[in-house]
């Protein structure tokens, strides 16, 4: 099997999306644009072509200033343990600077990322539950450019263009509460929260709760780092853990770098970081 990988072009996207659908990655993206388009536009999307015009696997990153967020690394089951994942990962992580990812719970994936210099930091919990019956700080609608500076501080680097792109996706509204912000995407009677952040953990929590109340959906989904103060609040009112990954980074041991992302005051978007 060839282990050649290359940057995906517009013509390659149908093959990449076939792999993504096989893993259920597009379930939350009923149409385009989707997060794969964001990776092509604001990061790097690599794929491994087969001999029939398809794809054997793909991986994608998004850039936030000097920070690289590894968003995806998927290889078809019949091609796993062949070295293709390592080839994709090496190409994706070639940029200098700190790296962060949400590794799967698969021990093989975590071991692969550790060998590339990332270290486990905290679980990332995919929580689902009712969007009502929670404290409801007042949230106001805002523009992506108005929250971009705070997002840069919370998420580890500037991504104003990515925020503007996401704000243009159908159903997305940006909210602000004091020194916090949160993006909410409404789909049918469910809302997806993230990214969200704040100057303090309390500010981040207020922004999330304010966005939940403003969206007025029946249910919600949020990817919450395990150390975030919202975890016991949401689990305490009946939310459940639908899935979990591992938040990993390359700078946790660096006193200066470790301040790039504080998982107690940041909530990522599940696909955009």
Protein backbone atom coordinates (compact mmCIF):
# COMPACT_ATOMS: atom_id res chain seq x y z
CA UNK A 1 0.00 0.00 0.00
CA UNK A 2 1.25 3.46 -0.84
CA UNK A 3 1.69 5.75 2.13
CA UNK A 4 1.75 8.90 0.02
CA UNK A 5 -0.41 11.65 1.45
CA UNK A 6 -1.17 15.06 0.03
CA UNK A 7 -3.23 18.17 0.64
CA UNK A 8 -6.88 17.70 -0.27
CA UNK A 9 -8.24 19.82 -3.11
CA UNK A 10 -11.86 20.70 -3.82
CA UNK A 11 -12.03 17.73 -6.20
CA UNK A 12 -10.89 15.39 -3.42
CA UNK A 13 -13.59 16.40 -0.96
CA UNK A 14 -16.22 13.82 -2.01
CA UNK A 15 -13.70 11.03 -1.28
CA UNK A 16 -12.70 12.60 2.03
CA UNK A 17 -16.35 13.00 3.04
CA UNK A 18 -17.06 9.35 2.26
CA UNK A 19 -14.47 8.40 4.88
CA UNK A 20 -15.85 11.01 7.30
CA UNK A 21 -19.40 9.65 6.91
CA UNK A 22 -18.18 6.12 7.53
CA UNK A 23 -17.05 7.27 10.98
CA UNK A 24 -20.21 9.35 11.59
CA UNK A 25 -18.27 12.61 11.60
CA UNK A 26 -20.78 14.57 9.52
CA UNK A 27 -23.90 13.69 11.54
CA UNK A 28 -23.90 17.19 13.05
CA UNK A 29 -23.29 18.85 9.68
CA UNK A 30 -26.37 18.23 7.53
CA UNK A 31 -25.01 20.35 4.69
CA UNK A 32 -22.00 22.29 3.53
CA UNK A 33 -19.94 24.13 4.46
CA UNK A 34 -18.78 21.79 7.19
CA UNK A 35 -15.75 21.49 9.45
CA UNK A 36 -13.72 19.85 6.67
CA UNK A 37 -14.07 23.04 4.65
CA UNK A 38 -12.84 24.99 7.68
CA UNK A 39 -9.77 22.77 7.94
CA UNK A 40 -8.95 23.36 4.28
CA UNK A 41 -9.43 27.11 4.65
CA UNK A 42 -7.85 27.78 8.07
CA UNK A 43 -5.46 24.88 8.61
CA UNK A 44 -4.34 21.81 6.75
CA UNK A 45 -6.37 18.89 5.40
CA UNK A 46 -4.36 15.88 4.23
CA UNK A 47 -5.65 12.66 2.76
CA UNK A 48 -4.27 9.38 1.49
CA UNK A 49 -5.64 8.54 -1.97
CA UNK A 50 -6.29 4.99 -3.09
CA UNK A 51 -5.91 3.70 -6.64
CA UNK A 52 -9.60 4.12 -7.52
CA UNK A 53 -10.20 7.80 -6.80
CA UNK A 54 -11.17 7.25 -3.17
CA UNK A 55 -9.46 7.86 0.15
CA UNK A 56 -7.85 5.48 2.62
CA UNK A 57 -7.84 8.06 5.40
CA UNK A 58 -7.48 11.73 6.18
CA UNK A 59 -6.47 14.18 8.88
CA UNK A 60 -7.00 17.86 9.48
CA UNK A 61 -5.73 20.73 11.60
CA UNK A 62 -6.83 24.26 12.41
CA UNK A 63 -4.47 27.08 13.33
CA UNK A 64 -4.97 29.49 16.21
CA UNK A 65 -2.06 31.89 16.03
CA UNK A 66 1.04 29.80 16.73
CA UNK A 67 -1.10 26.93 18.07
CA UNK A 68 -2.01 23.93 15.92
CA UNK A 69 -5.24 22.14 16.81
CA UNK A 70 -5.28 18.60 15.46
CA UNK A 71 -8.94 18.05 14.70
CA UNK A 72 -9.05 14.75 12.84
CA UNK A 73 -7.06 11.64 12.07
CA UNK A 74 -9.06 8.76 10.59
CA UNK A 75 -7.93 5.71 8.66
CA UNK A 76 -10.28 3.08 7.23
CA UNK A 77 -10.45 0.06 9.55
CA UNK A 78 -8.99 -2.26 6.92
CA UNK A 79 -5.95 0.05 6.60
CA UNK A 80 -5.28 0.64 10.28
CA UNK A 81 -2.01 -0.49 11.90
CA UNK A 82 -0.30 -0.05 8.53
CA UNK A 83 1.68 3.10 9.33
CA UNK A 84 -0.68 5.36 7.40
CA UNK A 85 -1.86 7.11 10.56
CA UNK A 86 1.73 7.94 11.51
CA UNK A 87 2.40 9.30 8.02
CA UNK A 88 -0.66 11.54 8.15
CA UNK A 89 0.16 12.73 11.66
CA UNK A 90 3.74 13.59 10.79
CA UNK A 91 2.53 15.76 7.91
CA UNK A 92 -0.13 17.44 10.02
CA UNK A 93 2.15 18.29 12.94
CA UNK A 94 5.07 19.62 10.92
CA UNK A 95 4.38 23.27 11.84
CA UNK A 96 6.45 24.66 14.74
CA UNK A 97 4.76 25.75 17.92
CA UNK A 98 2.50 24.11 20.51
CA UNK A 99 -0.04 21.45 19.54
CA UNK A 100 -3.36 20.39 21.07
CA UNK A 101 -5.85 17.66 20.24
CA UNK A 102 -8.79 15.66 21.55
CA UNK A 103 -7.44 12.12 21.32
CA UNK A 104 -9.91 9.28 21.11
CA UNK A 105 -10.31 6.85 23.97
CA UNK A 106 -8.55 4.23 21.83
CA UNK A 107 -5.25 3.43 23.61
CA UNK A 108 -3.52 3.10 20.22
CA UNK A 109 -4.43 6.67 19.31
CA UNK A 110 -3.27 8.07 22.64
CA UNK A 111 0.03 6.18 22.34
CA UNK A 112 0.52 7.54 18.81
CA UNK A 113 0.02 11.12 19.99
CA UNK A 114 2.33 10.63 22.96
CA UNK A 115 5.05 9.47 20.57
CA UNK A 116 4.56 12.76 18.72
CA UNK A 117 5.14 14.80 21.86
CA UNK A 118 1.60 15.34 23.17
CA UNK A 119 0.66 14.56 26.77
CA UNK A 120 -2.73 13.78 28.34
CA UNK A 121 -4.07 16.74 30.29
CA UNK A 122 -7.71 16.04 31.21
CA UNK A 123 -10.71 14.07 29.92
CA UNK A 124 -12.96 15.83 27.44
CA UNK A 125 -16.56 14.91 28.27
CA UNK A 126 -19.29 15.06 25.63
CA UNK A 127 -22.30 16.00 27.72
CA UNK A 128 -25.94 16.01 26.67
CA UNK A 129 -28.95 17.14 28.65
CA UNK A 130 -31.89 19.53 29.01
CA UNK A 131 -31.14 23.14 28.14
CA UNK A 132 -33.71 24.39 30.64
CA UNK A 133 -33.83 24.51 34.43
CA UNK A 134 -30.31 25.94 34.80
CA UNK A 135 -29.14 29.32 36.12
CA UNK A 136 -29.66 31.83 33.34
CA UNK A 137 -27.28 34.81 33.28
CA UNK A 138 -28.31 37.45 30.77
CA UNK A 139 -26.59 36.96 27.43
CA UNK A 140 -26.56 39.44 24.58
CA UNK A 141 -26.02 38.72 20.92
CA UNK A 142 -22.65 39.84 19.65
CA UNK A 143 -20.43 39.70 16.59
CA UNK A 144 -17.50 37.32 16.06
CA UNK A 145 -15.07 40.21 15.73
CA UNK A 146 -16.14 41.50 19.14
CA UNK A 147 -15.34 38.23 20.92
CA UNK A 148 -12.24 37.35 18.86
CA UNK A 149 -9.74 38.93 21.32
CA UNK A 150 -11.20 37.07 24.30
CA UNK A 151 -11.40 33.86 22.27
CA UNK A 152 -7.72 34.23 21.37
CA UNK A 153 -6.84 34.46 25.05
CA UNK A 154 -9.09 31.55 26.02
CA UNK A 155 -8.36 29.16 23.15
CA UNK A 156 -4.62 29.69 22.82
CA UNK A 157 -4.37 31.87 19.73
CA UNK A 158 -6.11 34.17 17.29
CA UNK A 159 -8.64 32.65 14.88
CA UNK A 160 -10.79 35.61 13.94
CA UNK A 161 -11.33 34.33 10.41
CA UNK A 162 -12.49 30.93 11.66
CA UNK A 163 -14.96 32.55 14.08
CA UNK A 164 -16.35 34.72 11.29
CA UNK A 165 -16.73 31.63 9.10
CA UNK A 166 -18.53 29.72 11.86
CA UNK A 167 -20.83 32.66 12.61
CA UNK A 168 -22.00 32.39 8.99
CA UNK A 169 -23.03 28.73 9.35
CA UNK A 170 -26.85 28.38 9.52
CA UNK A 171 -28.17 28.42 13.07
CA UNK A 172 -25.05 29.89 14.73
CA UNK A 173 -25.31 32.86 17.12
CA UNK A 174 -22.53 34.43 19.15
CA UNK A 175 -23.36 35.50 22.71
CA UNK A 176 -21.50 37.50 25.34
CA UNK A 177 -21.99 37.86 29.10
CA UNK A 178 -19.67 40.29 30.81
CA UNK A 179 -16.18 38.86 30.34
CA UNK A 180 -17.33 35.64 28.70
CA UNK A 181 -18.54 34.51 25.28
CA UNK A 182 -20.18 31.43 23.78
CA UNK A 183 -21.24 30.30 20.32
CA UNK A 184 -24.53 28.43 20.03
CA UNK A 185 -25.68 26.48 16.99
CA UNK A 186 -29.38 25.59 16.96
CA UNK A 187 -30.46 22.57 14.95
CA UNK A 188 -34.11 21.53 15.29
CA UNK A 189 -34.77 21.49 19.07
CA UNK A 190 -31.14 20.99 20.08
CA UNK A 191 -28.33 23.49 20.60
CA UNK A 192 -24.60 22.85 20.40
CA UNK A 193 -22.50 25.14 22.59
CA UNK A 194 -18.89 25.97 21.72
CA UNK A 195 -16.46 27.45 21.50
CA UNK A 196 -16.88 29.33 24.75
CA UNK A 197 -14.48 30.99 27.11
CA UNK A 198 -13.97 33.68 29.68
CA UNK A 199 -11.47 35.71 31.62
CA UNK A 200 -12.13 33.39 34.58
CA UNK A 201 -13.77 30.00 35.03
CA UNK A 202 -16.86 31.77 36.40
CA UNK A 203 -17.02 34.04 33.34
CA UNK A 204 -16.86 31.04 31.01
CA UNK A 205 -19.57 29.19 32.93
CA UNK A 206 -21.84 32.26 32.89
CA UNK A 207 -21.43 32.60 29.13
CA UNK A 208 -22.37 28.97 28.53
CA UNK A 209 -25.41 29.16 30.81
CA UNK A 210 -26.46 32.47 29.25
CA UNK A 211 -26.20 31.04 25.74
CA UNK A 212 -28.22 27.97 26.74
CA UNK A 213 -30.99 30.19 28.10
CA UNK A 214 -30.95 32.54 25.10
CA UNK A 215 -31.11 29.72 22.57
CA UNK A 216 -34.32 28.35 24.13
CA UNK A 217 -33.77 24.84 22.81
CA UNK A 218 -35.06 21.71 24.47
CA UNK A 219 -31.75 19.90 24.73
CA UNK A 220 -28.07 20.69 24.39
CA UNK A 221 -24.67 19.22 23.65
CA UNK A 222 -21.38 20.51 25.03
CA UNK A 223 -17.79 19.20 25.01
CA UNK A 224 -16.49 20.07 28.48
CA UNK A 225 -12.96 19.54 29.83
CA UNK A 226 -13.06 17.39 32.95
CA UNK A 227 -11.60 20.14 35.16
CA UNK A 228 -14.23 22.71 34.17
CA UNK A 229 -16.57 23.83 37.00
CA UNK A 230 -19.62 23.18 34.79
CA UNK A 231 -19.07 19.42 34.90
CA UNK A 232 -20.54 18.82 38.39
CA UNK A 233 -23.25 21.44 37.77
CA UNK A 234 -24.54 19.75 34.62
CA UNK A 235 -24.18 16.19 35.87
CA UNK A 236 -25.93 17.23 39.07
CA UNK A 237 -29.10 18.21 37.18
CA UNK A 238 -29.34 15.07 35.10
CA UNK A 239 -27.02 15.57 32.16
CA UNK A 240 -25.17 12.47 31.00
CA UNK A 241 -21.78 11.68 29.51
CA UNK A 242 -22.47 10.48 25.97
CA UNK A 243 -18.82 9.96 25.07
CA UNK A 244 -15.35 11.07 26.08
CA UNK A 245 -11.95 11.82 24.59
CA UNK A 246 -8.63 12.90 26.08
CA UNK A 247 -7.50 16.52 25.92
CA UNK A 248 -3.79 16.43 25.05
CA UNK A 249 -1.18 19.11 24.44
CA UNK A 250 2.53 19.55 23.89
CA UNK A 251 3.08 22.41 26.33
CA UNK A 252 1.71 21.26 29.67
CA UNK A 253 5.23 20.93 31.09
CA UNK A 254 6.23 24.42 29.95
CA UNK A 255 5.37 27.03 32.57
CA UNK A 256 4.92 29.74 29.96
CA UNK A 257 3.20 27.57 27.37
CA UNK A 258 0.81 25.94 29.83
CA UNK A 259 -1.09 29.23 30.09
CA UNK A 260 -2.10 29.11 26.41
CA UNK A 261 -5.24 27.12 27.23
CA UNK A 262 -6.81 26.83 30.65
CA UNK A 263 -9.33 23.95 30.52
CA UNK A 264 -11.22 25.40 33.50
CA UNK A 265 -12.12 28.53 31.53
CA UNK A 266 -12.49 27.23 27.97
CA UNK A 267 -15.02 24.98 26.24
CA UNK A 268 -14.09 23.92 22.71
CA UNK A 269 -16.26 23.23 19.72
CA UNK A 270 -16.21 19.44 19.19
CA UNK A 271 -15.05 19.81 15.57
CA UNK A 272 -13.39 23.22 15.43
CA UNK A 273 -11.45 23.12 18.69
